[in-house]
N, C-alpha and C. Protein backbone atom coordinates (compact mmCIF):
# COMPACT_ATOMS: atom_id res chain seq x y z
N MET A 1 101.30 125.29 97.27
CA MET A 1 101.40 124.47 98.48
C MET A 1 100.62 125.14 99.61
N THR A 2 99.80 124.39 100.30
CA THR A 2 98.99 124.96 101.37
C THR A 2 99.37 124.44 102.75
N GLY A 3 100.11 123.34 102.83
CA GLY A 3 100.49 122.81 104.13
C GLY A 3 101.45 121.64 103.98
N GLU A 4 101.97 121.17 105.10
CA GLU A 4 102.89 120.03 105.10
C GLU A 4 102.85 119.34 106.46
N PHE A 5 103.21 118.06 106.47
CA PHE A 5 103.35 117.33 107.72
C PHE A 5 104.35 116.20 107.51
N ALA A 6 104.75 115.59 108.59
CA ALA A 6 105.83 114.58 108.54
C ALA A 6 105.41 113.35 107.75
N HIS A 7 106.38 112.76 107.06
CA HIS A 7 106.19 111.50 106.34
C HIS A 7 107.34 110.58 106.72
N ASP A 8 107.05 109.30 106.83
CA ASP A 8 108.02 108.30 107.25
C ASP A 8 109.12 108.16 106.19
N THR A 9 110.35 108.46 106.55
CA THR A 9 111.45 108.40 105.59
C THR A 9 111.87 106.97 105.26
N SER A 10 111.30 105.98 105.95
CA SER A 10 111.58 104.58 105.60
C SER A 10 110.56 104.04 104.60
N ALA A 11 109.58 104.88 104.22
CA ALA A 11 108.49 104.44 103.34
C ALA A 11 108.86 104.63 101.88
N PHE A 12 109.00 103.52 101.17
CA PHE A 12 109.21 103.54 99.72
C PHE A 12 107.82 103.59 99.07
N THR A 13 107.26 104.78 99.05
CA THR A 13 105.84 104.98 98.73
C THR A 13 105.50 104.52 97.32
N GLN A 14 104.45 103.69 97.23
CA GLN A 14 103.98 103.17 95.95
C GLN A 14 102.56 103.61 95.64
N GLY A 15 101.69 103.61 96.63
CA GLY A 15 100.30 104.02 96.44
C GLY A 15 99.86 104.90 97.58
N LEU A 16 98.99 105.86 97.28
CA LEU A 16 98.50 106.78 98.29
C LEU A 16 97.06 107.14 97.96
N LEU A 17 96.18 107.10 98.95
CA LEU A 17 94.80 107.53 98.74
C LEU A 17 94.25 108.08 100.05
N TYR A 18 93.20 108.89 99.91
CA TYR A 18 92.56 109.51 101.07
C TYR A 18 91.13 109.01 101.17
N TYR A 19 90.74 108.61 102.39
CA TYR A 19 89.37 108.15 102.62
C TYR A 19 89.06 108.22 104.10
N ASP A 20 87.89 108.72 104.43
CA ASP A 20 87.39 108.71 105.81
C ASP A 20 88.39 109.34 106.78
N ASP A 21 88.86 110.53 106.42
CA ASP A 21 89.76 111.31 107.27
C ASP A 21 91.10 110.63 107.53
N ALA A 22 91.53 109.79 106.61
CA ALA A 22 92.82 109.11 106.78
C ALA A 22 93.50 108.92 105.44
N LEU A 23 94.82 108.82 105.48
CA LEU A 23 95.59 108.44 104.31
C LEU A 23 95.90 106.94 104.38
N PHE A 24 95.75 106.29 103.26
CA PHE A 24 96.12 104.88 103.14
C PHE A 24 97.31 104.83 102.19
N GLU A 25 98.38 104.18 102.64
CA GLU A 25 99.63 104.18 101.88
C GLU A 25 100.15 102.75 101.74
N SER A 26 100.59 102.43 100.54
CA SER A 26 101.28 101.16 100.31
C SER A 26 102.73 101.47 99.99
N THR A 27 103.61 100.61 100.46
CA THR A 27 105.04 100.80 100.22
C THR A 27 105.62 99.55 99.56
N GLY A 28 106.82 99.70 99.00
CA GLY A 28 107.46 98.61 98.28
C GLY A 28 108.74 98.12 98.93
N LYS A 29 109.49 97.40 98.16
CA LYS A 29 110.73 96.71 98.51
C LYS A 29 110.41 95.34 99.12
N TYR A 30 111.20 94.34 98.70
CA TYR A 30 111.04 93.00 99.25
C TYR A 30 111.37 93.00 100.74
N GLY A 31 110.48 92.41 101.52
CA GLY A 31 110.66 92.35 102.95
C GLY A 31 110.28 93.61 103.68
N GLN A 32 109.86 94.64 102.95
CA GLN A 32 109.51 95.92 103.58
C GLN A 32 108.17 96.46 103.08
N SER A 33 107.42 95.69 102.32
CA SER A 33 106.18 96.18 101.71
C SER A 33 105.06 96.20 102.74
N ARG A 34 104.56 97.40 103.02
CA ARG A 34 103.56 97.59 104.06
C ARG A 34 102.33 98.30 103.51
N LEU A 35 101.21 98.02 104.15
CA LEU A 35 99.96 98.75 103.92
C LEU A 35 99.57 99.35 105.26
N ARG A 36 99.28 100.66 105.26
CA ARG A 36 98.99 101.28 106.54
C ARG A 36 97.97 102.41 106.40
N ARG A 37 97.30 102.64 107.51
CA ARG A 37 96.36 103.75 107.64
C ARG A 37 97.00 104.79 108.54
N VAL A 38 97.03 106.04 108.06
CA VAL A 38 97.75 107.10 108.75
C VAL A 38 96.82 108.27 109.01
N ALA A 39 96.86 108.80 110.23
CA ALA A 39 96.14 110.02 110.56
C ALA A 39 96.98 111.21 110.12
N PRO A 40 96.52 112.00 109.15
CA PRO A 40 97.36 113.09 108.64
C PRO A 40 97.74 114.12 109.68
N ALA A 41 96.88 114.39 110.63
CA ALA A 41 97.13 115.47 111.59
C ALA A 41 98.40 115.26 112.39
N ASN A 42 98.67 114.01 112.80
CA ASN A 42 99.85 113.76 113.62
C ASN A 42 100.72 112.62 113.08
N HIS A 43 100.39 112.16 111.89
CA HIS A 43 101.13 111.07 111.22
C HIS A 43 101.17 109.79 112.07
N THR A 44 100.15 109.59 112.85
CA THR A 44 100.05 108.37 113.64
C THR A 44 99.57 107.22 112.77
N VAL A 45 100.30 106.11 112.78
CA VAL A 45 99.89 104.91 112.06
C VAL A 45 98.87 104.17 112.92
N THR A 46 97.64 104.10 112.45
CA THR A 46 96.57 103.49 113.24
C THR A 46 96.34 102.02 112.88
N ARG A 47 96.84 101.59 111.74
CA ARG A 47 96.74 100.16 111.38
C ARG A 47 97.81 99.88 110.33
N GLU A 48 98.42 98.70 110.40
CA GLU A 48 99.48 98.36 109.45
C GLU A 48 99.62 96.85 109.32
N ILE A 49 99.86 96.41 108.09
CA ILE A 49 100.19 95.01 107.83
C ILE A 49 101.37 94.98 106.86
N GLN A 50 102.00 93.83 106.76
CA GLN A 50 103.15 93.69 105.87
C GLN A 50 102.96 92.46 104.99
N LEU A 51 103.38 92.59 103.72
CA LEU A 51 103.32 91.45 102.82
C LEU A 51 104.44 90.46 103.15
N PRO A 52 104.26 89.18 102.81
CA PRO A 52 105.37 88.25 102.92
C PRO A 52 106.57 88.77 102.14
N GLU A 53 107.77 88.44 102.58
CA GLU A 53 108.97 89.08 102.05
C GLU A 53 109.26 88.75 100.59
N ASP A 54 108.57 87.78 100.01
CA ASP A 54 108.81 87.48 98.59
C ASP A 54 107.88 88.28 97.67
N TYR A 55 107.12 89.25 98.22
CA TYR A 55 106.29 90.13 97.40
C TYR A 55 106.78 91.57 97.53
N PHE A 56 106.78 92.26 96.40
CA PHE A 56 107.18 93.66 96.32
C PHE A 56 105.91 94.47 96.09
N GLY A 57 105.45 95.18 97.12
CA GLY A 57 104.19 95.91 97.02
C GLY A 57 104.26 97.07 96.04
N GLU A 58 103.11 97.36 95.43
CA GLU A 58 103.03 98.47 94.47
C GLU A 58 101.78 99.31 94.74
N GLY A 59 101.06 99.71 93.68
CA GLY A 59 99.97 100.68 93.78
C GLY A 59 98.77 100.19 94.57
N LEU A 60 97.95 101.17 94.99
CA LEU A 60 96.83 100.92 95.89
C LEU A 60 95.61 101.69 95.41
N ALA A 61 94.43 101.08 95.50
CA ALA A 61 93.18 101.75 95.15
C ALA A 61 92.06 101.23 96.04
N ARG A 62 91.07 102.08 96.24
CA ARG A 62 89.90 101.70 97.04
C ARG A 62 88.70 101.50 96.13
N VAL A 63 88.01 100.39 96.32
CA VAL A 63 86.72 100.13 95.68
C VAL A 63 85.72 99.84 96.80
N ASP A 64 84.86 100.81 97.07
CA ASP A 64 83.91 100.70 98.19
C ASP A 64 84.67 100.44 99.49
N ASP A 65 84.43 99.32 100.15
CA ASP A 65 85.08 99.03 101.42
C ASP A 65 86.24 98.05 101.28
N GLN A 66 86.83 98.03 100.08
CA GLN A 66 87.96 97.14 99.85
C GLN A 66 89.15 97.90 99.29
N LEU A 67 90.34 97.47 99.68
CA LEU A 67 91.58 98.01 99.15
C LEU A 67 92.23 96.98 98.25
N PHE A 68 92.62 97.40 97.05
CA PHE A 68 93.30 96.55 96.09
C PHE A 68 94.77 96.98 96.06
N TRP A 69 95.65 96.02 96.33
CA TRP A 69 97.08 96.31 96.44
C TRP A 69 97.84 95.47 95.41
N LEU A 70 98.50 96.14 94.48
CA LEU A 70 99.25 95.46 93.44
C LEU A 70 100.60 94.97 93.96
N THR A 71 101.19 94.03 93.22
CA THR A 71 102.58 93.64 93.42
C THR A 71 103.32 93.85 92.11
N TRP A 72 104.64 93.98 92.21
CA TRP A 72 105.44 94.37 91.06
C TRP A 72 105.56 93.24 90.03
N HIS A 73 106.17 92.12 90.41
CA HIS A 73 106.46 91.06 89.45
C HIS A 73 105.64 89.79 89.65
N ALA A 74 104.85 89.73 90.72
CA ALA A 74 104.17 88.48 91.07
C ALA A 74 102.89 88.26 90.27
N GLY A 75 102.40 89.28 89.55
CA GLY A 75 101.16 89.13 88.81
C GLY A 75 99.96 88.89 89.70
N ARG A 76 99.99 89.46 90.87
CA ARG A 76 98.93 89.22 91.85
C ARG A 76 98.59 90.51 92.58
N ALA A 77 97.29 90.75 92.73
CA ALA A 77 96.80 91.86 93.56
C ALA A 77 96.08 91.26 94.76
N PHE A 78 96.36 91.80 95.93
CA PHE A 78 95.70 91.35 97.15
C PHE A 78 94.57 92.32 97.49
N VAL A 79 93.46 91.78 97.96
CA VAL A 79 92.29 92.58 98.30
C VAL A 79 92.05 92.48 99.80
N PHE A 80 91.90 93.65 100.44
CA PHE A 80 91.76 93.71 101.88
C PHE A 80 90.51 94.50 102.27
N ASP A 81 89.93 94.10 103.38
CA ASP A 81 88.86 94.90 103.97
C ASP A 81 89.48 96.20 104.47
N ILE A 82 88.89 97.33 104.12
CA ILE A 82 89.49 98.62 104.42
C ILE A 82 89.49 98.93 105.92
N HIS A 83 88.59 98.32 106.67
CA HIS A 83 88.50 98.59 108.10
C HIS A 83 89.40 97.68 108.93
N SER A 84 89.36 96.39 108.64
CA SER A 84 90.12 95.43 109.45
C SER A 84 91.49 95.08 108.88
N PHE A 85 91.71 95.38 107.58
CA PHE A 85 92.91 94.99 106.85
C PHE A 85 93.02 93.47 106.73
N GLU A 86 91.94 92.76 106.89
CA GLU A 86 91.94 91.32 106.65
C GLU A 86 91.85 91.06 105.15
N GLN A 87 92.61 90.09 104.67
CA GLN A 87 92.57 89.77 103.25
C GLN A 87 91.25 89.08 102.91
N VAL A 88 90.60 89.57 101.85
CA VAL A 88 89.31 89.02 101.45
C VAL A 88 89.32 88.50 100.01
N GLY A 89 90.45 88.60 99.33
CA GLY A 89 90.49 88.11 97.97
C GLY A 89 91.84 88.31 97.32
N THR A 90 91.95 87.76 96.11
CA THR A 90 93.16 87.88 95.30
C THR A 90 92.74 88.02 93.84
N ARG A 91 93.46 88.81 93.09
CA ARG A 91 93.25 88.94 91.65
C ARG A 91 94.59 88.68 90.96
N ARG A 92 94.52 88.18 89.73
CA ARG A 92 95.73 87.91 88.97
C ARG A 92 95.74 88.74 87.68
N TYR A 93 96.94 89.07 87.23
CA TYR A 93 97.09 89.85 86.00
C TYR A 93 98.44 89.51 85.38
N GLU A 94 98.61 89.84 84.12
CA GLU A 94 99.86 89.60 83.41
C GLU A 94 100.73 90.84 83.44
N GLY A 95 102.03 90.64 83.44
CA GLY A 95 102.96 91.76 83.39
C GLY A 95 103.19 92.37 84.77
N GLU A 96 103.81 93.54 84.75
CA GLU A 96 104.14 94.22 85.99
C GLU A 96 102.98 95.05 86.50
N GLY A 97 102.93 95.24 87.83
CA GLY A 97 101.99 96.16 88.44
C GLY A 97 102.75 97.36 88.98
N TRP A 98 102.28 98.56 88.65
CA TRP A 98 102.91 99.79 89.15
C TRP A 98 101.88 100.59 89.95
N GLY A 99 101.10 101.44 89.27
CA GLY A 99 100.12 102.28 89.95
C GLY A 99 98.70 101.78 89.74
N LEU A 100 97.79 102.22 90.62
CA LEU A 100 96.40 101.77 90.54
C LEU A 100 95.49 102.88 91.06
N THR A 101 94.33 103.05 90.38
CA THR A 101 93.31 103.97 90.86
C THR A 101 91.95 103.46 90.42
N TYR A 102 90.89 104.13 90.86
CA TYR A 102 89.51 103.68 90.62
C TYR A 102 88.70 104.88 90.17
N ASP A 103 87.96 104.72 89.07
CA ASP A 103 87.19 105.84 88.52
C ASP A 103 85.71 105.81 88.91
N GLY A 104 85.36 104.91 89.85
CA GLY A 104 83.98 104.75 90.25
C GLY A 104 83.30 103.57 89.60
N ARG A 105 83.93 103.01 88.58
CA ARG A 105 83.40 101.84 87.90
C ARG A 105 84.49 100.80 87.61
N HIS A 106 85.64 101.27 87.16
CA HIS A 106 86.73 100.39 86.80
C HIS A 106 88.01 100.79 87.52
N LEU A 107 88.88 99.82 87.71
CA LEU A 107 90.24 100.09 88.14
C LEU A 107 91.08 100.46 86.93
N ILE A 108 92.07 101.30 87.14
CA ILE A 108 93.00 101.70 86.09
C ILE A 108 94.40 101.43 86.59
N MET A 109 95.18 100.67 85.82
CA MET A 109 96.49 100.21 86.27
C MET A 109 97.58 100.64 85.31
N SER A 110 98.72 101.06 85.88
CA SER A 110 99.91 101.34 85.09
C SER A 110 100.91 100.22 85.27
N ASP A 111 101.81 100.09 84.28
CA ASP A 111 102.85 99.06 84.38
C ASP A 111 104.22 99.59 83.95
N GLY A 112 104.36 100.92 83.93
CA GLY A 112 105.62 101.52 83.52
C GLY A 112 105.68 101.88 82.05
N SER A 113 104.74 101.39 81.27
CA SER A 113 104.69 101.69 79.84
C SER A 113 103.85 102.94 79.61
N ALA A 114 103.56 103.23 78.34
CA ALA A 114 102.71 104.36 77.98
C ALA A 114 101.24 103.94 77.88
N THR A 115 100.93 102.72 78.25
CA THR A 115 99.57 102.21 78.14
C THR A 115 99.01 101.87 79.51
N LEU A 116 97.83 102.42 79.81
CA LEU A 116 97.11 102.10 81.03
C LEU A 116 96.07 101.03 80.72
N ARG A 117 95.90 100.09 81.64
CA ARG A 117 94.87 99.08 81.49
C ARG A 117 93.66 99.42 82.35
N VAL A 118 92.47 99.37 81.77
CA VAL A 118 91.22 99.58 82.49
C VAL A 118 90.67 98.20 82.82
N LEU A 119 90.46 97.93 84.12
CA LEU A 119 90.17 96.58 84.59
C LEU A 119 88.82 96.48 85.28
N ASP A 120 88.18 95.35 85.11
CA ASP A 120 87.00 95.00 85.89
C ASP A 120 87.47 94.59 87.28
N PRO A 121 87.01 95.27 88.34
CA PRO A 121 87.48 94.91 89.69
C PRO A 121 87.13 93.48 90.07
N GLY A 122 86.08 92.91 89.47
CA GLY A 122 85.64 91.58 89.85
C GLY A 122 86.61 90.48 89.49
N ASP A 123 87.22 90.59 88.31
CA ASP A 123 88.12 89.51 87.88
C ASP A 123 89.40 90.02 87.21
N PHE A 124 89.58 91.34 87.19
CA PHE A 124 90.76 91.97 86.59
C PHE A 124 90.85 91.73 85.08
N SER A 125 89.74 91.41 84.44
CA SER A 125 89.75 91.33 82.98
C SER A 125 89.93 92.73 82.41
N VAL A 126 90.62 92.82 81.27
CA VAL A 126 90.92 94.12 80.65
C VAL A 126 89.71 94.58 79.85
N VAL A 127 89.13 95.68 80.27
CA VAL A 127 87.98 96.27 79.59
C VAL A 127 88.43 97.04 78.36
N ARG A 128 89.48 97.82 78.50
CA ARG A 128 90.08 98.55 77.38
C ARG A 128 91.45 99.04 77.80
N ARG A 129 92.15 99.65 76.86
CA ARG A 129 93.47 100.19 77.13
C ARG A 129 93.50 101.67 76.75
N ILE A 130 94.29 102.43 77.48
CA ILE A 130 94.43 103.86 77.23
C ILE A 130 95.89 104.13 76.88
N ASP A 131 96.13 104.58 75.65
CA ASP A 131 97.48 104.92 75.22
C ASP A 131 97.72 106.40 75.52
N VAL A 132 98.64 106.67 76.41
CA VAL A 132 98.87 108.03 76.90
C VAL A 132 99.88 108.74 76.00
N HIS A 133 99.55 109.97 75.62
CA HIS A 133 100.40 110.72 74.71
C HIS A 133 100.30 112.22 74.96
N ASP A 134 101.36 112.90 74.61
CA ASP A 134 101.39 114.37 74.64
C ASP A 134 101.63 114.82 73.21
N GLY A 135 100.57 115.21 72.54
CA GLY A 135 100.67 115.44 71.10
C GLY A 135 100.94 114.12 70.41
N GLY A 136 102.02 114.05 69.65
CA GLY A 136 102.36 112.81 68.96
C GLY A 136 103.34 111.95 69.70
N GLN A 137 103.71 112.32 70.94
CA GLN A 137 104.71 111.59 71.70
C GLN A 137 104.07 110.72 72.77
N ALA A 138 104.38 109.42 72.71
CA ALA A 138 103.92 108.52 73.76
C ALA A 138 104.65 108.85 75.06
N ILE A 139 103.92 108.83 76.18
CA ILE A 139 104.50 109.13 77.49
C ILE A 139 104.51 107.87 78.33
N ASP A 140 105.69 107.35 78.58
CA ASP A 140 105.80 106.13 79.38
C ASP A 140 106.28 106.46 80.79
N LYS A 141 106.66 105.43 81.52
CA LYS A 141 107.07 105.54 82.93
C LYS A 141 105.93 106.07 83.81
N LEU A 142 104.69 105.79 83.40
CA LEU A 142 103.54 106.17 84.21
C LEU A 142 103.57 105.33 85.48
N ASN A 143 103.48 106.01 86.63
CA ASN A 143 103.67 105.30 87.89
C ASN A 143 102.42 105.44 88.75
N GLU A 144 102.51 106.03 89.93
CA GLU A 144 101.35 106.15 90.82
C GLU A 144 100.23 106.94 90.15
N LEU A 145 98.99 106.48 90.35
CA LEU A 145 97.84 107.07 89.69
C LEU A 145 96.82 107.55 90.72
N GLU A 146 96.07 108.59 90.33
CA GLU A 146 94.93 109.04 91.13
C GLU A 146 93.88 109.59 90.18
N TYR A 147 92.62 109.22 90.42
CA TYR A 147 91.52 109.71 89.61
C TYR A 147 90.95 110.95 90.29
N ILE A 148 91.03 112.11 89.61
CA ILE A 148 90.64 113.38 90.20
C ILE A 148 89.69 114.11 89.26
N ASP A 149 88.44 114.21 89.65
CA ASP A 149 87.47 115.03 88.94
C ASP A 149 87.45 114.75 87.43
N GLY A 150 87.39 113.46 87.09
CA GLY A 150 87.27 113.08 85.68
C GLY A 150 88.57 112.96 84.94
N GLU A 151 89.70 113.14 85.62
CA GLU A 151 91.02 112.99 85.01
C GLU A 151 91.83 111.93 85.73
N ILE A 152 92.78 111.34 85.02
CA ILE A 152 93.76 110.46 85.64
C ILE A 152 95.04 111.27 85.84
N TRP A 153 95.48 111.36 87.08
CA TRP A 153 96.76 112.00 87.37
C TRP A 153 97.81 110.92 87.54
N ALA A 154 98.98 111.14 86.96
CA ALA A 154 100.03 110.12 86.99
C ALA A 154 101.38 110.73 87.33
N ASN A 155 102.05 110.15 88.33
CA ASN A 155 103.47 110.46 88.51
C ASN A 155 104.26 109.85 87.36
N ILE A 156 105.29 110.53 86.93
CA ILE A 156 106.19 110.02 85.92
C ILE A 156 107.48 109.63 86.62
N TRP A 157 107.83 108.36 86.54
CA TRP A 157 109.00 107.84 87.25
C TRP A 157 110.26 108.65 86.91
N TYR A 158 111.00 109.01 87.94
CA TYR A 158 112.20 109.82 87.82
C TYR A 158 111.93 111.22 87.28
N SER A 159 110.77 111.75 87.59
CA SER A 159 110.42 113.10 87.17
C SER A 159 109.67 113.78 88.31
N ASP A 160 109.78 115.09 88.38
CA ASP A 160 109.00 115.87 89.34
C ASP A 160 107.76 116.46 88.69
N ARG A 161 107.37 115.90 87.55
CA ARG A 161 106.16 116.35 86.87
C ARG A 161 105.04 115.33 87.05
N ILE A 162 103.83 115.85 87.08
CA ILE A 162 102.63 115.01 87.14
C ILE A 162 101.81 115.26 85.89
N ALA A 163 101.40 114.19 85.22
CA ALA A 163 100.58 114.30 84.01
C ALA A 163 99.10 114.22 84.38
N ARG A 164 98.32 115.12 83.80
CA ARG A 164 96.85 115.06 83.91
C ARG A 164 96.31 114.52 82.58
N ILE A 165 95.68 113.35 82.66
CA ILE A 165 95.35 112.58 81.46
C ILE A 165 93.84 112.52 81.25
N ASP A 166 93.41 112.74 80.02
CA ASP A 166 92.02 112.53 79.63
C ASP A 166 91.79 111.03 79.50
N PRO A 167 90.93 110.43 80.32
CA PRO A 167 90.77 108.97 80.27
C PRO A 167 90.10 108.47 78.99
N ASP A 168 89.41 109.33 78.28
CA ASP A 168 88.75 108.91 77.04
C ASP A 168 89.72 108.83 75.87
N THR A 169 90.64 109.79 75.79
CA THR A 169 91.53 109.87 74.63
C THR A 169 92.97 109.49 74.94
N GLY A 170 93.35 109.53 76.22
CA GLY A 170 94.74 109.29 76.58
C GLY A 170 95.61 110.52 76.44
N ALA A 171 95.04 111.62 75.98
CA ALA A 171 95.82 112.85 75.79
C ALA A 171 96.13 113.50 77.12
N ILE A 172 97.34 114.02 77.24
CA ILE A 172 97.70 114.79 78.43
C ILE A 172 97.16 116.20 78.25
N VAL A 173 96.28 116.60 79.17
CA VAL A 173 95.63 117.90 79.06
C VAL A 173 96.42 118.99 79.78
N ALA A 174 97.32 118.60 80.69
CA ALA A 174 98.15 119.58 81.40
C ALA A 174 99.26 118.83 82.13
N TRP A 175 100.35 119.55 82.38
CA TRP A 175 101.44 119.06 83.21
C TRP A 175 101.51 119.90 84.47
N LEU A 176 101.79 119.28 85.60
CA LEU A 176 102.02 119.99 86.85
C LEU A 176 103.49 119.83 87.23
N ASP A 177 104.14 120.93 87.52
CA ASP A 177 105.54 120.93 87.93
C ASP A 177 105.58 120.92 89.45
N ALA A 178 106.05 119.83 90.03
CA ALA A 178 106.11 119.71 91.49
C ALA A 178 107.53 119.86 92.02
N SER A 179 108.42 120.43 91.23
CA SER A 179 109.81 120.56 91.65
C SER A 179 109.95 121.47 92.87
N THR A 180 109.02 122.40 93.06
CA THR A 180 109.09 123.28 94.22
C THR A 180 108.94 122.48 95.53
N LEU A 181 108.25 121.35 95.47
CA LEU A 181 108.11 120.52 96.67
C LEU A 181 109.45 119.91 97.07
N ARG A 182 110.20 119.48 96.09
CA ARG A 182 111.53 118.94 96.41
C ARG A 182 112.41 120.03 97.03
N THR A 183 112.30 121.24 96.51
CA THR A 183 113.04 122.35 97.08
C THR A 183 112.62 122.59 98.53
N ALA A 184 111.30 122.42 98.80
CA ALA A 184 110.77 122.66 100.15
C ALA A 184 111.22 121.60 101.14
N LEU A 185 111.78 120.50 100.67
CA LEU A 185 112.31 119.49 101.58
C LEU A 185 113.56 119.99 102.30
N GLY A 186 114.21 120.98 101.72
CA GLY A 186 115.39 121.56 102.36
C GLY A 186 116.55 120.60 102.42
N ASP A 187 117.24 120.58 103.56
CA ASP A 187 118.42 119.74 103.73
C ASP A 187 118.10 118.26 103.63
N ALA A 188 116.85 117.90 103.91
CA ALA A 188 116.46 116.48 103.89
C ALA A 188 116.28 115.95 102.47
N ALA A 189 116.37 116.82 101.46
CA ALA A 189 116.13 116.38 100.09
C ALA A 189 117.17 115.38 99.60
N SER A 190 118.36 115.39 100.21
CA SER A 190 119.43 114.50 99.75
C SER A 190 119.07 113.02 99.93
N GLY A 191 118.24 112.71 100.92
CA GLY A 191 117.85 111.32 101.15
C GLY A 191 116.55 110.94 100.48
N ALA A 192 115.91 111.90 99.81
CA ALA A 192 114.62 111.65 99.19
C ALA A 192 114.80 111.03 97.81
N ASN A 193 113.94 110.08 97.50
CA ASN A 193 113.93 109.44 96.19
C ASN A 193 112.91 110.18 95.32
N VAL A 194 112.28 109.49 94.38
CA VAL A 194 111.43 110.16 93.40
C VAL A 194 110.08 110.58 93.99
N LEU A 195 109.51 111.62 93.39
CA LEU A 195 108.13 112.01 93.67
C LEU A 195 107.22 110.85 93.33
N ASN A 196 106.39 110.41 94.27
CA ASN A 196 105.46 109.31 94.00
C ASN A 196 104.44 109.23 95.13
N GLY A 197 103.22 109.57 94.83
CA GLY A 197 102.15 109.54 95.82
C GLY A 197 101.21 110.71 95.62
N ILE A 198 100.00 110.42 95.15
CA ILE A 198 98.98 111.44 94.91
C ILE A 198 97.68 110.96 95.55
N ALA A 199 97.11 111.77 96.42
CA ALA A 199 95.83 111.42 97.05
C ALA A 199 94.90 112.64 96.99
N TRP A 200 93.65 112.40 96.65
CA TRP A 200 92.66 113.46 96.46
C TRP A 200 91.61 113.40 97.55
N ASP A 201 91.44 114.51 98.25
CA ASP A 201 90.38 114.66 99.24
C ASP A 201 89.31 115.56 98.62
N PRO A 202 88.25 114.98 98.05
CA PRO A 202 87.26 115.80 97.34
C PRO A 202 86.41 116.65 98.26
N ASP A 203 86.24 116.23 99.51
CA ASP A 203 85.41 117.00 100.43
C ASP A 203 86.06 118.33 100.81
N GLN A 204 87.36 118.29 101.05
CA GLN A 204 88.07 119.51 101.43
C GLN A 204 88.73 120.20 100.24
N GLY A 205 88.71 119.54 99.09
CA GLY A 205 89.30 120.14 97.90
C GLY A 205 90.80 120.32 98.01
N ARG A 206 91.50 119.26 98.42
CA ARG A 206 92.94 119.36 98.54
C ARG A 206 93.59 118.08 98.04
N ILE A 207 94.83 118.21 97.65
CA ILE A 207 95.59 117.10 97.10
C ILE A 207 96.82 116.88 97.96
N TYR A 208 97.07 115.62 98.31
CA TYR A 208 98.26 115.24 99.07
C TYR A 208 99.32 114.72 98.10
N LEU A 209 100.55 115.19 98.27
CA LEU A 209 101.66 114.76 97.42
C LEU A 209 102.85 114.39 98.29
N THR A 210 103.50 113.29 97.96
CA THR A 210 104.73 112.90 98.66
C THR A 210 105.61 112.10 97.72
N GLY A 211 106.64 111.47 98.27
CA GLY A 211 107.55 110.69 97.45
C GLY A 211 108.18 109.56 98.24
N LYS A 212 108.95 108.76 97.55
CA LYS A 212 109.64 107.63 98.18
C LYS A 212 110.76 108.15 99.10
N TYR A 213 110.69 107.75 100.36
CA TYR A 213 111.65 108.16 101.38
C TYR A 213 111.59 109.66 101.67
N TRP A 214 110.50 110.31 101.31
CA TRP A 214 110.40 111.74 101.59
C TRP A 214 110.12 111.97 103.07
N PRO A 215 110.67 113.02 103.67
CA PRO A 215 110.38 113.32 105.07
C PRO A 215 109.10 114.12 105.27
N LYS A 216 108.47 114.54 104.18
CA LYS A 216 107.27 115.37 104.28
C LYS A 216 106.22 114.92 103.28
N THR A 217 104.97 115.10 103.66
CA THR A 217 103.83 115.04 102.73
C THR A 217 103.27 116.46 102.65
N PHE A 218 102.96 116.88 101.44
CA PHE A 218 102.46 118.24 101.22
C PHE A 218 100.99 118.21 100.83
N THR A 219 100.27 119.25 101.21
CA THR A 219 98.92 119.45 100.70
C THR A 219 98.94 120.66 99.78
N VAL A 220 98.26 120.52 98.65
CA VAL A 220 98.22 121.60 97.67
C VAL A 220 96.78 121.81 97.24
N ALA A 221 96.49 123.02 96.83
CA ALA A 221 95.16 123.32 96.30
C ALA A 221 95.06 122.80 94.87
N PRO A 222 93.88 122.30 94.47
CA PRO A 222 93.73 121.80 93.11
C PRO A 222 93.81 122.94 92.10
N PRO A 223 94.20 122.65 90.87
CA PRO A 223 94.20 123.67 89.83
C PRO A 223 92.80 124.22 89.59
N ARG A 224 92.73 125.39 88.99
CA ARG A 224 91.45 126.00 88.68
C ARG A 224 90.63 125.05 87.80
N GLY A 225 89.36 124.95 88.10
CA GLY A 225 88.47 124.07 87.34
C GLY A 225 88.18 122.77 88.04
N ILE A 226 88.96 122.45 89.07
CA ILE A 226 88.72 121.25 89.88
C ILE A 226 88.18 121.71 91.22
N ALA A 227 86.94 121.38 91.49
CA ALA A 227 86.26 121.90 92.67
C ALA A 227 86.03 120.81 93.71
N PRO A 228 85.89 121.19 94.98
CA PRO A 228 85.53 120.21 96.01
C PRO A 228 84.16 119.60 95.71
N ALA A 229 83.93 118.43 96.30
CA ALA A 229 82.62 117.80 96.13
C ALA A 229 81.54 118.66 96.81
N PRO A 230 80.31 118.61 96.30
CA PRO A 230 79.22 119.34 96.97
C PRO A 230 79.06 118.90 98.41
N ASP A 231 78.56 119.79 99.25
CA ASP A 231 78.35 119.45 100.64
C ASP A 231 77.41 118.25 100.74
N ARG A 232 77.75 117.36 101.66
CA ARG A 232 76.91 116.19 101.87
C ARG A 232 75.64 116.59 102.60
N PRO A 233 74.50 115.95 102.30
CA PRO A 233 73.26 116.28 103.00
C PRO A 233 73.33 115.86 104.46
């Protein structure tokens, strides 16, 4: 752990990503599902919108200047302009929506099972599926996702572990134990729900981690072998 700052304890965190010196967070629960842009330095919310109360917000991913926001049971993803938060599109899919990330070409979606769907951002057609496993054991309850340096990182629902997944084979190449973060919450840990929220800042080489109703967001250094992006020209 390299640092920490305040996190909204009313946020049932579903998706988290870092872009342009800000964190973008989606939250869940009917009537409480919000999308917001947050300045990490002082946790100031600089822009926020809310879904209609009959939608339960889920995972979030950025594709260029657009944000894709999943819903849990509605089979619908909403697309927003990343700057204005104006809705610019809708995508449909079958089954539940949980976590979402982008590998630079395709979206990758979890639905609570051991299988990730690789999607065309244009129409959400399924390009292929990734069956996630640790040796011979299928690993389900895959939740929030983040694409980090050629790997898919996944929160495991009701676990303080994060799986690092090879996107080509579905094999888990390493596990990260984040239980020390829950310990670092101190007395506030009693009101905290599950670990859920991974955001990668490639320029600074740091990872943001938080959870549902957590009072803190933590920054951690990436494991050995994962390097910051080269300096921009």
